Amino acid sequence: MLYYLFEFLRKMYDLPGAGVFQYISFRAAMAVITSLIISMLIGKRIIRLLQRKQVGETVRDLGLHGEKEKQGTPTMGGLIILAAILIPTLLFARLINVYIVIMLVTTVWLGLIGFLDDYIKVFKKDKAGLAGRFKILGQVGLGLIIGYTMYFNPHVLVKEKVNVDKLIVLDSNANVIDNMSQREGALYSDDAVKSTKTTIPFYKNNEFDYANLLKWLGDDYRKYAWLIFIPIVIFIITAVSNGANITDGIDGLATGTSAIIGATLGILAWVSGNTVFASYLNIMYIPNAGELVVFIAAFVGACVGFLWYNAYPAQVFMGDTGSLALGGIIAVFAIAIRKELLIPVLCGIFFVESLSVVIQVSYFKYTKKKYGEGRRILKMSPLHHHYQKLGYHESKIVTRFWIVGIVLAVITIITLKLR
């Protein structure tokens, strides 16, 4: 909103300094600052409100150290995160940008699903919360919306890289004046086009086209690319959203991990939406994707601000209101900047946490069927609880998981230059 206000003042009254709102870097900085302030100011008031309403966490007896102390800690603190994301984005982003629209829809959509789950747990006293099938249905619904928009919306475009090996610039006398093949980086076509290409690590040109999976359909295979693209989008959103939900098990783990992932995605959005950086890294250029930096700045600010209250010992838990939204935002953002195939590396913490649950449950069922008694590989799942059972303090577990998350973030960025 402020972007449009100051743009109006600049054009109509030539207001000094109003032009600064044209710069994404300035608006991103303002978004992160505003997000932090909102988290700090609103956070304390929301915590007090939750305490008055007796919106406390019901902790299951899992035999973990410090478990009883968490009983009654306010939950549904994800409302703080949602407010700290939405308000700065509405203030500083260009709201007509299609990528900003889908991020706002994602935040509200999954925030409402998570809120409904927490509401049932807290106020209806139903520990199961919202039935799993309804959560999945909501995530699939969002996946359909995002997948359809990314595939069919005319404003979701990329600029294809030109084959520089054969590109030579001639003067009017047909003399070679610039051999582009000698340049480092990429050149892009003048026209932006619809594409199902995405970034993939450790592969030539770092690009993969989903449509290629349907070549067996014949010459018109590209017409049916949505049949593979939309299901992949649904799977990624569902998997990452649930992965973040599973990771939210000890103080500050999901919040800090999400902040690290968000900062990395911000860098990737910046370079993908900037011709110079995209050319240097030889990655696809996505017009208008740079605006997403404003949104992700608010996201990182919200996570860091919430961490002020969520760090050990936590004064508030985010609940599903926050965790489902965080995971979904990360997934949709990665899809928007066509970096979703980097998620297994970048979101390695979420991936391993989810995998630990799948392995534990699968092995337990298998051994129970085979031996008549279920056996476990880990002392407890998800993985962070396994380390708690081993005697590690949760603050040490969280810090070490953050360190691993930072290493994975660095590796993710490095992959852009590895072919």
Protein backbone atom coordinates (compact mmCIF):
# COMPACT_ATOMS: atom_id res chain seq x y z
CA MET A 1 0.00 0.00 0.00
CA LEU A 2 2.80 2.41 0.90
CA TYR A 3 4.49 1.56 -2.38
CA TYR A 4 1.49 2.84 -4.33
CA LEU A 5 1.04 5.86 -2.06
CA PHE A 6 4.62 7.07 -2.47
CA GLU A 7 4.60 6.24 -6.17
CA PHE A 8 1.53 8.48 -6.51
CA LEU A 9 3.22 11.26 -4.52
CA ARG A 10 6.34 10.97 -6.65
CA LYS A 11 4.48 11.23 -9.94
CA MET A 12 1.95 13.86 -8.93
CA TYR A 13 3.95 16.11 -6.62
CA ASP A 14 7.56 15.06 -7.25
CA LEU A 15 7.91 14.43 -3.51
CA PRO A 16 11.63 14.26 -2.59
CA GLY A 17 12.69 10.80 -1.46
CA ALA A 18 9.50 9.09 -2.59
CA GLY A 19 11.38 7.33 -5.38
CA VAL A 20 13.21 5.19 -2.84
CA PHE A 21 10.13 2.94 -2.69
CA GLN A 22 10.91 1.80 -6.22
CA TYR A 23 13.92 -0.10 -4.89
CA ILE A 24 13.24 -3.67 -3.79
CA SER A 25 16.22 -3.58 -1.42
CA PHE A 26 14.75 -0.63 0.50
CA ARG A 27 11.28 -2.14 0.73
CA ALA A 28 12.73 -5.50 1.80
CA ALA A 29 14.73 -3.78 4.56
CA MET A 30 11.62 -1.93 5.72
CA ALA A 31 9.62 -5.17 5.62
CA VAL A 32 12.06 -7.05 7.85
CA ILE A 33 12.28 -4.16 10.33
CA THR A 34 8.51 -3.75 10.46
CA SER A 35 8.07 -7.50 10.86
CA LEU A 36 10.45 -7.56 13.82
CA ILE A 37 8.68 -4.63 15.47
CA ILE A 38 5.27 -6.25 14.98
CA SER A 39 6.53 -9.54 16.42
CA MET A 40 7.92 -7.79 19.49
CA LEU A 41 4.96 -5.50 20.16
CA ILE A 42 2.04 -7.69 19.13
CA GLY A 43 3.75 -10.83 20.40
CA LYS A 44 3.70 -9.83 24.04
CA ARG A 45 0.06 -8.77 23.87
CA ILE A 46 -1.04 -11.94 22.09
CA ILE A 47 0.77 -14.06 24.68
CA ARG A 48 -1.04 -12.24 27.49
CA LEU A 49 -4.35 -12.67 25.67
CA LEU A 50 -3.73 -16.39 25.21
CA GLN A 51 -2.86 -16.70 28.90
CA ARG A 52 -6.08 -14.94 29.92
CA LYS A 53 -8.08 -17.20 27.62
CA GLN A 54 -6.18 -20.19 29.08
CA VAL A 55 -5.07 -21.27 25.62
CA GLY A 56 -2.41 -23.60 26.98
CA GLU A 57 -0.55 -26.51 25.44
CA THR A 58 -1.59 -29.99 26.57
CA VAL A 59 1.64 -31.99 26.68
CA ARG A 60 1.55 -35.76 26.28
CA ASP A 61 3.53 -37.80 28.79
CA LEU A 62 6.40 -39.04 26.61
CA GLY A 63 8.96 -39.35 29.38
CA LEU A 64 11.12 -36.49 28.06
CA HIS A 65 13.21 -34.18 30.22
CA GLY A 66 11.53 -30.82 30.90
CA GLU A 67 8.22 -32.05 29.51
CA LYS A 68 6.10 -31.19 32.54
CA GLU A 69 7.37 -27.60 32.61
CA LYS A 70 5.84 -27.01 29.17
CA GLN A 71 2.34 -27.88 30.37
CA GLY A 72 0.05 -24.87 30.05
CA THR A 73 2.42 -22.80 27.87
CA PRO A 74 0.28 -20.66 25.52
CA THR A 75 -0.12 -22.10 22.04
CA MET A 76 -1.58 -20.70 18.79
CA GLY A 77 1.32 -18.24 18.76
CA GLY A 78 1.43 -18.72 15.01
CA LEU A 79 -0.96 -15.76 14.95
CA ILE A 80 2.07 -13.59 15.76
CA ILE A 81 3.95 -15.00 12.77
CA LEU A 82 1.00 -14.55 10.41
CA ALA A 83 0.50 -10.92 11.45
CA ALA A 84 4.21 -10.18 11.15
CA ILE A 85 4.24 -11.59 7.60
CA LEU A 86 0.99 -10.20 6.24
CA ILE A 87 1.13 -6.62 7.51
CA PRO A 88 4.62 -5.70 6.16
CA THR A 89 3.85 -7.44 2.86
CA LEU A 90 0.63 -5.46 2.45
CA LEU A 91 2.48 -2.26 3.30
CA PHE A 92 5.61 -2.59 1.16
CA ALA A 93 5.02 -5.08 -1.66
CA ARG A 94 3.50 -4.48 -5.07
CA LEU A 95 0.17 -6.20 -4.51
CA ILE A 96 -0.64 -6.64 -8.20
CA ASN A 97 2.38 -8.91 -8.60
CA VAL A 98 1.14 -12.46 -9.23
CA TYR A 99 3.85 -14.00 -7.04
CA ILE A 100 2.93 -11.78 -4.09
CA VAL A 101 -0.72 -12.74 -4.52
CA ILE A 102 -0.03 -16.47 -4.38
CA MET A 103 2.17 -16.02 -1.31
CA LEU A 104 -0.55 -14.08 0.48
CA VAL A 105 -3.11 -16.75 -0.44
CA THR A 106 -0.76 -19.46 0.82
CA THR A 107 -0.16 -17.70 4.14
CA VAL A 108 -3.85 -17.12 4.86
CA TRP A 109 -4.98 -20.52 3.54
CA LEU A 110 -2.63 -22.68 5.61
CA GLY A 111 -2.85 -20.31 8.56
CA LEU A 112 -6.61 -20.89 8.68
CA ILE A 113 -6.20 -24.68 8.45
CA GLY A 114 -3.68 -24.63 11.28
CA PHE A 115 -5.84 -22.27 13.34
CA LEU A 116 -8.83 -24.57 12.96
CA ASP A 117 -6.72 -27.52 14.12
CA ASP A 118 -5.47 -25.62 17.18
CA TYR A 119 -8.97 -24.32 17.95
CA ILE A 120 -10.38 -27.85 18.05
CA LYS A 121 -7.51 -29.01 20.30
CA VAL A 122 -7.70 -26.10 22.74
CA PHE A 123 -11.35 -25.04 22.89
CA LYS A 124 -13.08 -28.30 21.95
CA LYS A 125 -10.65 -30.28 24.14
CA ASP A 126 -10.08 -32.77 21.34
CA LYS A 127 -6.40 -33.75 21.40
CA ALA A 128 -6.63 -35.18 17.87
CA GLY A 129 -7.51 -31.77 16.46
CA LEU A 130 -8.59 -31.45 12.86
CA ALA A 131 -8.83 -34.87 11.19
CA GLY A 132 -5.77 -35.67 9.11
CA ARG A 133 -7.79 -36.18 5.96
CA PHE A 134 -9.13 -32.63 6.17
CA LYS A 135 -5.62 -31.23 6.60
CA ILE A 136 -4.46 -33.14 3.55
CA LEU A 137 -7.55 -32.03 1.63
CA GLY A 138 -6.75 -28.41 2.45
CA GLN A 139 -3.12 -28.81 1.37
CA VAL A 140 -4.15 -30.53 -1.84
CA GLY A 141 -6.64 -27.73 -2.53
CA LEU A 142 -3.90 -25.14 -2.12
CA GLY A 143 -1.63 -27.23 -4.34
CA LEU A 144 -4.27 -27.21 -7.08
CA ILE A 145 -4.57 -23.42 -6.88
CA ILE A 146 -0.81 -22.84 -6.94
CA GLY A 147 -0.17 -25.44 -9.63
CA TYR A 148 -2.94 -24.06 -11.86
CA THR A 149 -1.71 -20.48 -11.39
CA MET A 150 1.93 -21.31 -12.06
CA TYR A 151 1.04 -23.24 -15.20
CA PHE A 152 -1.77 -21.22 -16.76
CA ASN A 153 -1.44 -17.64 -15.48
CA PRO A 154 -0.16 -15.43 -18.34
CA HIS A 155 2.00 -13.37 -15.96
CA VAL A 156 4.06 -16.35 -14.75
CA LEU A 157 6.87 -16.31 -17.30
CA VAL A 158 10.59 -16.92 -17.66
CA LYS A 159 13.19 -15.74 -20.11
CA GLU A 160 14.96 -18.61 -21.84
CA LYS A 161 18.74 -18.71 -22.01
CA VAL A 162 20.26 -18.25 -25.45
CA ASN A 163 22.79 -20.76 -26.69
CA VAL A 164 25.92 -18.60 -26.49
CA ASP A 165 28.13 -21.24 -28.12
CA LYS A 166 26.73 -20.31 -31.52
CA LEU A 167 25.89 -16.66 -30.95
CA ILE A 168 28.09 -14.18 -32.85
CA VAL A 169 27.43 -10.47 -33.30
CA LEU A 170 28.25 -9.00 -36.72
CA ASP A 171 28.56 -5.41 -37.88
CA SER A 172 26.97 -4.03 -41.04
CA ASN A 173 29.86 -5.40 -43.12
CA ALA A 174 29.43 -8.91 -41.70
CA ASN A 175 32.60 -8.62 -39.62
CA VAL A 176 32.67 -10.35 -36.25
CA ILE A 177 32.61 -7.68 -33.53
CA ASP A 178 31.63 -9.76 -30.50
CA ASN A 179 31.83 -13.51 -30.02
CA MET A 180 29.34 -14.17 -27.22
CA SER A 181 30.64 -17.67 -26.67
CA GLN A 182 33.68 -16.14 -25.00
CA ARG A 183 31.59 -14.52 -22.31
CA GLU A 184 30.94 -16.04 -18.92
CA GLY A 185 27.32 -16.36 -17.87
CA ALA A 186 24.11 -16.49 -19.85
CA LEU A 187 22.21 -14.38 -22.33
CA TYR A 188 18.43 -14.27 -22.40
CA SER A 189 15.85 -13.99 -25.13
CA ASP A 190 13.99 -10.70 -25.41
CA ASP A 191 10.59 -12.29 -24.92
CA ALA A 192 9.38 -13.92 -21.72
CA VAL A 193 7.61 -17.24 -22.31
CA LYS A 194 5.58 -19.88 -20.50
CA SER A 195 7.78 -22.73 -19.37
CA THR A 196 7.73 -25.83 -17.18
CA LYS A 197 11.47 -25.68 -16.60
CA THR A 198 12.92 -25.60 -13.12
CA THR A 199 16.32 -25.54 -11.48
CA ILE A 200 17.95 -28.85 -10.64
CA PRO A 201 21.36 -29.28 -8.97
CA PHE A 202 24.32 -31.18 -10.42
CA TYR A 203 22.84 -31.24 -13.91
CA LYS A 204 23.96 -29.63 -17.16
CA ASN A 205 22.76 -26.01 -17.30
CA ASN A 206 21.03 -26.63 -13.94
CA GLU A 207 17.68 -26.92 -15.70
CA PHE A 208 15.07 -29.63 -15.95
CA ASP A 209 11.82 -29.52 -17.92
CA TYR A 210 8.89 -31.38 -16.37
CA ALA A 211 7.36 -31.72 -19.83
CA ASN A 212 10.20 -34.07 -20.82
CA LEU A 213 8.66 -36.72 -18.56
CA LEU A 214 5.80 -36.98 -21.05
CA LYS A 215 7.77 -37.34 -24.28
CA TRP A 216 6.36 -40.82 -24.66
CA LEU A 217 2.97 -39.23 -25.46
CA GLY A 218 4.24 -38.07 -28.87
CA ASP A 219 4.89 -34.77 -30.56
CA ASP A 220 2.19 -32.92 -28.66
CA TYR A 221 3.50 -33.97 -25.26
CA ARG A 222 4.00 -30.36 -24.06
CA LYS A 223 0.24 -29.75 -24.17
CA TYR A 224 -0.18 -32.23 -21.35
CA ALA A 225 2.67 -31.03 -19.12
CA TRP A 226 0.13 -29.86 -16.51
CA LEU A 227 -0.72 -33.53 -15.85
CA ILE A 228 2.73 -33.97 -14.29
CA PHE A 229 3.41 -30.42 -13.10
CA ILE A 230 0.33 -29.87 -10.90
CA PRO A 231 0.60 -33.22 -9.02
CA ILE A 232 4.28 -32.48 -8.31
CA VAL A 233 3.31 -29.06 -6.91
CA ILE A 234 0.64 -30.68 -4.70
CA PHE A 235 3.13 -33.25 -3.40
CA ILE A 236 5.82 -30.66 -2.60
CA ILE A 237 3.42 -28.35 -0.73
CA THR A 238 1.93 -31.22 1.28
CA ALA A 239 5.30 -32.77 2.10
CA VAL A 240 7.09 -29.57 3.19
CA SER A 241 4.11 -28.25 5.14
CA ASN A 242 3.84 -31.50 7.10
CA GLY A 243 7.63 -31.64 7.46
CA ALA A 244 7.67 -28.26 9.21
CA ASN A 245 4.77 -29.40 11.39
CA ILE A 246 6.71 -32.49 12.48
CA THR A 247 9.86 -30.45 13.16
CA ASP A 248 7.96 -28.15 15.51
CA GLY A 249 8.56 -30.32 18.56
CA ILE A 250 11.04 -28.47 20.77
CA ASP A 251 11.60 -24.81 21.58
CA GLY A 252 12.88 -22.76 18.64
CA LEU A 253 13.67 -25.65 16.29
CA ALA A 254 11.10 -25.05 13.53
CA THR A 255 11.27 -21.26 13.94
CA GLY A 256 15.06 -20.97 13.63
CA THR A 257 15.27 -23.54 10.85
CA SER A 258 12.58 -21.72 8.88
CA ALA A 259 14.42 -18.42 9.28
CA ILE A 260 17.60 -19.96 7.82
CA ILE A 261 15.67 -21.47 4.91
CA GLY A 262 13.80 -18.20 4.35
CA ALA A 263 17.02 -16.16 4.19
CA THR A 264 18.43 -18.60 1.63
CA LEU A 265 15.27 -18.44 -0.48
CA GLY A 266 15.52 -14.65 -0.34
CA ILE A 267 18.99 -14.81 -1.89
CA LEU A 268 17.75 -17.22 -4.56
CA ALA A 269 14.77 -14.95 -5.35
CA TRP A 270 17.06 -11.93 -5.58
CA VAL A 271 19.43 -13.53 -8.09
CA SER A 272 16.60 -15.17 -10.07
CA GLY A 273 14.79 -11.86 -10.48
CA ASN A 274 17.90 -9.87 -11.40
CA THR A 275 19.27 -10.15 -14.94
CA VAL A 276 22.87 -9.47 -13.95
CA PHE A 277 23.07 -12.03 -11.16
CA ALA A 278 21.04 -14.61 -13.06
CA SER A 279 23.37 -14.21 -16.02
CA TYR A 280 26.49 -14.56 -13.88
CA LEU A 281 25.18 -17.72 -12.21
CA ASN A 282 23.88 -19.02 -15.55
CA ILE A 283 20.40 -19.70 -14.16
CA MET A 284 16.97 -18.88 -15.54
CA TYR A 285 15.78 -15.30 -15.23
CA ILE A 286 12.26 -14.92 -13.83
CA PRO A 287 10.73 -11.50 -14.53
CA ASN A 288 9.00 -9.89 -11.53
CA ALA A 289 10.28 -12.57 -9.13
CA GLY A 290 12.47 -10.03 -7.38
CA GLU A 291 9.36 -8.63 -5.69
CA LEU A 292 9.25 -11.84 -3.65
CA VAL A 293 12.30 -10.59 -1.72
CA VAL A 294 9.97 -8.16 0.09
CA PHE A 295 7.70 -11.01 1.17
CA ILE A 296 10.51 -13.31 2.28
CA ALA A 297 12.11 -10.46 4.22
CA ALA A 298 8.89 -10.16 6.21
CA PHE A 299 8.89 -13.95 6.63
CA VAL A 300 12.43 -14.01 8.05
CA GLY A 301 11.65 -11.06 10.32
CA ALA A 302 8.54 -12.83 11.60
CA CYS A 303 10.50 -15.99 12.39
CA VAL A 304 13.32 -14.14 14.16
CA GLY A 305 10.84 -11.96 16.05
CA PHE A 306 8.82 -14.99 17.15
CA LEU A 307 12.05 -16.70 18.21
CA TRP A 308 12.40 -13.96 20.84
CA TYR A 309 9.52 -15.62 22.69
CA ASN A 310 9.88 -19.17 21.36
CA ALA A 311 13.54 -19.76 22.25
CA TYR A 312 14.19 -22.07 25.21
CA PRO A 313 12.41 -21.90 27.58
CA ALA A 314 9.51 -21.01 25.29
CA GLN A 315 6.95 -18.46 26.42
CA VAL A 316 4.65 -19.44 23.56
CA PHE A 317 4.29 -22.22 21.00
CA MET A 318 3.31 -21.54 17.40
CA GLY A 319 0.98 -24.54 17.14
CA ASP A 320 -0.25 -25.75 13.78
CA THR A 321 -1.34 -22.17 13.08
CA GLY A 322 2.30 -21.36 12.53
CA SER A 323 4.00 -24.62 11.56
CA LEU A 324 1.67 -25.55 8.68
CA ALA A 325 1.92 -22.02 7.30
CA LEU A 326 5.72 -21.90 7.58
CA GLY A 327 6.19 -25.13 5.67
CA GLY A 328 3.64 -24.22 3.02
CA ILE A 329 5.16 -20.76 2.51
CA ILE A 330 8.62 -22.28 2.01
CA ALA A 331 7.29 -24.81 -0.49
CA VAL A 332 5.25 -22.34 -2.55
CA PHE A 333 8.04 -19.76 -2.52
CA ALA A 334 10.52 -22.34 -3.82
CA ILE A 335 8.05 -23.33 -6.55
CA ALA A 336 7.50 -19.68 -7.51
CA ILE A 337 11.22 -19.07 -8.07
CA ARG A 338 11.61 -22.53 -9.66
CA LYS A 339 13.97 -23.87 -7.02
CA GLU A 340 11.67 -26.58 -5.62
CA LEU A 341 14.03 -29.42 -6.57
CA LEU A 342 16.59 -27.88 -4.20
CA ILE A 343 14.21 -28.47 -1.28
CA PRO A 344 15.63 -31.90 -0.28
CA VAL A 345 18.95 -30.14 0.35
CA LEU A 346 17.79 -26.75 1.63
CA CYS A 347 15.03 -28.23 3.80
CA GLY A 348 17.17 -31.19 4.84
CA ILE A 349 16.12 -30.79 8.48
CA PHE A 350 12.43 -31.06 7.58
CA PHE A 351 13.20 -33.96 5.25
CA VAL A 352 15.16 -35.98 7.80
CA GLU A 353 12.62 -35.32 10.56
CA SER A 354 9.81 -36.58 8.33
CA LEU A 355 11.89 -39.52 7.13
CA SER A 356 12.65 -40.54 10.71
CA VAL A 357 8.91 -40.81 11.42
CA VAL A 358 8.23 -42.80 8.25
CA ILE A 359 11.10 -45.22 8.96
CA GLN A 360 10.16 -45.64 12.60
CA VAL A 361 6.48 -46.34 11.91
CA SER A 362 7.18 -48.58 8.91
CA TYR A 363 9.76 -50.66 10.77
CA PHE A 364 7.51 -50.98 13.82
CA LYS A 365 4.62 -52.25 11.68
CA TYR A 366 6.89 -54.60 9.74
CA THR A 367 8.45 -56.20 12.83
CA LYS A 368 5.09 -56.48 14.57
CA LYS A 369 3.69 -58.34 11.60
CA LYS A 370 6.77 -60.57 11.25
CA TYR A 371 7.73 -61.19 14.87
CA GLY A 372 4.47 -60.41 16.68
CA GLU A 373 6.19 -57.56 18.52
CA GLY A 374 6.91 -54.10 17.18
CA ARG A 375 10.54 -52.95 17.27
CA ARG A 376 12.04 -49.49 16.90
CA ILE A 377 15.12 -48.19 15.13
CA LEU A 378 15.17 -44.89 17.04
CA LYS A 379 14.46 -44.47 20.71
CA MET A 380 11.71 -42.10 19.67
CA SER A 381 10.61 -40.20 16.58
CA PRO A 382 10.83 -37.56 15.21
CA LEU A 383 14.62 -37.41 15.27
CA HIS A 384 14.91 -34.54 17.75
CA HIS A 385 13.08 -36.61 20.38
CA HIS A 386 15.55 -39.45 19.76
CA TYR A 387 18.38 -37.16 20.86
CA GLN A 388 16.37 -36.04 23.86
CA LYS A 389 16.02 -39.68 24.88
CA LEU A 390 19.80 -40.00 24.56
CA GLY A 391 20.14 -37.30 27.21
CA TYR A 392 20.94 -34.22 25.12
CA HIS A 393 19.46 -30.95 26.35
CA GLU A 394 16.95 -29.55 23.90
CA SER A 395 18.79 -26.22 23.54
CA LYS A 396 21.90 -28.12 22.41
CA ILE A 397 19.85 -30.17 19.95
CA VAL A 398 18.26 -27.03 18.50
CA THR A 399 21.58 -25.21 18.14
CA ARG A 400 23.19 -28.15 16.39
CA PHE A 401 20.23 -28.54 14.06
CA TRP A 402 20.55 -24.83 13.20
CA ILE A 403 24.23 -25.33 12.38
CA VAL A 404 23.33 -28.22 10.08
CA GLY A 405 20.64 -26.02 8.52
CA ILE A 406 23.19 -23.27 7.80
CA VAL A 407 25.56 -25.79 6.19
CA LEU A 408 22.72 -27.10 4.01
CA ALA A 409 21.83 -23.52 3.03
CA VAL A 410 25.41 -22.85 1.90
CA ILE A 411 25.47 -26.10 -0.07
CA THR A 412 22.19 -25.14 -1.73
CA ILE A 413 23.61 -21.85 -2.97
CA ILE A 414 26.84 -23.50 -4.11
CA THR A 415 24.91 -25.95 -6.29
CA LEU A 416 23.98 -23.06 -8.60
CA LYS A 417 27.55 -23.02 -9.88
CA LEU A 418 28.05 -26.78 -9.94
CA ARG A 419 27.25 -28.53 -13.20
